[in-house]
């Protein structure tokens, strides 16, 4: 499945994450900034970049340019997870 149809799952996941962030921001102002601030640390950015490149390289033969959207999403999520403090639930 290539083309615009395979972008739909990426758009749905990004929209769900944005809605979740907006609800969290309404409940506790500044919470999104605090959660994503750790994703810009050196190790988090490096891990996210490695994940994005791995997804793009392995997915290019199957999905073509759509793999870049998946790679960007995977890289951002990996950076977020690596940057999370270990003691936070």
Protein backbone atom coordinates (compact mmCIF):
# COMPACT_ATOMS: atom_id res chain seq x y z
CA UNK A 1 0.00 0.00 0.00
CA UNK A 2 1.72 3.13 -1.20
CA UNK A 3 0.52 6.64 -1.80
CA UNK A 4 -1.79 8.89 0.16
CA UNK A 5 -3.73 5.97 1.66
CA UNK A 6 -0.75 4.77 3.65
CA UNK A 7 -0.26 8.25 5.14
CA UNK A 8 -3.62 8.04 6.86
CA UNK A 9 -2.41 5.93 9.83
CA UNK A 10 0.45 8.38 10.43
CA UNK A 11 -1.98 11.29 10.39
CA UNK A 12 -4.33 9.49 12.80
CA UNK A 13 -1.51 8.74 15.26
CA UNK A 14 -0.20 12.32 15.13
CA UNK A 15 -3.74 13.68 15.60
CA UNK A 16 -4.31 11.40 18.60
CA UNK A 17 -1.04 12.55 20.16
CA UNK A 18 -1.93 16.20 19.57
CA UNK A 19 -5.38 15.75 21.14
CA UNK A 20 -3.82 14.01 24.13
CA UNK A 21 -1.30 16.85 24.49
CA UNK A 22 -4.03 19.48 24.22
CA UNK A 23 -6.13 17.84 26.92
CA UNK A 24 -3.09 17.55 29.18
CA UNK A 25 -2.25 21.19 28.56
CA UNK A 26 -5.76 22.26 29.47
CA UNK A 27 -5.59 20.31 32.72
CA UNK A 28 -2.08 21.46 33.69
CA UNK A 29 -0.71 24.44 31.75
CA UNK A 30 2.94 23.94 30.79
CA UNK A 31 2.83 20.16 31.08
CA UNK A 32 3.47 19.50 27.40
CA UNK A 33 6.53 21.71 27.38
CA UNK A 34 7.91 19.89 30.41
CA UNK A 35 7.21 16.44 28.91
CA UNK A 36 8.84 17.20 25.57
CA UNK A 37 11.76 19.27 26.93
CA UNK A 38 13.67 16.13 27.79
CA UNK A 39 13.30 14.88 24.20
CA UNK A 40 15.80 17.53 23.08
CA UNK A 41 18.68 16.19 25.15
CA UNK A 42 21.70 14.82 23.30
CA UNK A 43 21.10 11.10 23.88
CA UNK A 44 17.40 11.42 23.09
CA UNK A 45 18.04 13.22 19.82
CA UNK A 46 20.70 10.69 18.83
CA UNK A 47 18.42 7.74 19.56
CA UNK A 48 15.56 9.37 17.68
CA UNK A 49 17.78 10.03 14.69
CA UNK A 50 19.03 6.44 14.64
CA UNK A 51 15.46 5.14 14.83
CA UNK A 52 14.30 7.49 12.08
CA UNK A 53 17.12 6.47 9.76
CA UNK A 54 16.51 2.79 10.46
CA UNK A 55 12.80 3.08 9.69
CA UNK A 56 13.43 5.14 6.55
CA UNK A 57 16.07 2.77 5.20
CA UNK A 58 14.12 -0.41 5.88
CA UNK A 59 10.76 1.01 4.85
CA UNK A 60 11.85 2.74 1.65
CA UNK A 61 11.65 -0.42 -0.45
CA UNK A 62 8.11 -1.16 0.77
CA UNK A 63 6.52 2.27 1.07
CA UNK A 64 8.73 4.68 -0.85
CA UNK A 65 8.54 8.28 0.28
CA UNK A 66 5.75 7.46 2.76
CA UNK A 67 8.42 5.75 4.85
CA UNK A 68 9.78 9.21 5.65
CA UNK A 69 6.56 10.13 7.48
CA UNK A 70 6.75 6.92 9.48
CA UNK A 71 10.43 7.57 10.15
CA UNK A 72 9.74 11.06 11.48
CA UNK A 73 6.99 9.74 13.76
CA UNK A 74 9.15 6.87 15.02
CA UNK A 75 12.11 9.17 15.60
CA UNK A 76 10.03 11.64 17.61
CA UNK A 77 8.50 8.91 19.76
CA UNK A 78 11.86 7.24 20.42
CA UNK A 79 13.39 10.60 21.38
CA UNK A 80 10.51 11.19 23.77
CA UNK A 81 10.88 7.77 25.37
CA UNK A 82 14.67 7.95 25.70
CA UNK A 83 14.48 11.44 27.18
CA UNK A 84 11.96 10.51 29.86
CA UNK A 85 13.30 10.52 33.39
CA UNK A 86 13.55 6.99 34.78
CA UNK A 87 11.68 7.77 38.00
CA UNK A 88 8.59 9.19 36.28
CA UNK A 89 5.66 6.75 35.89
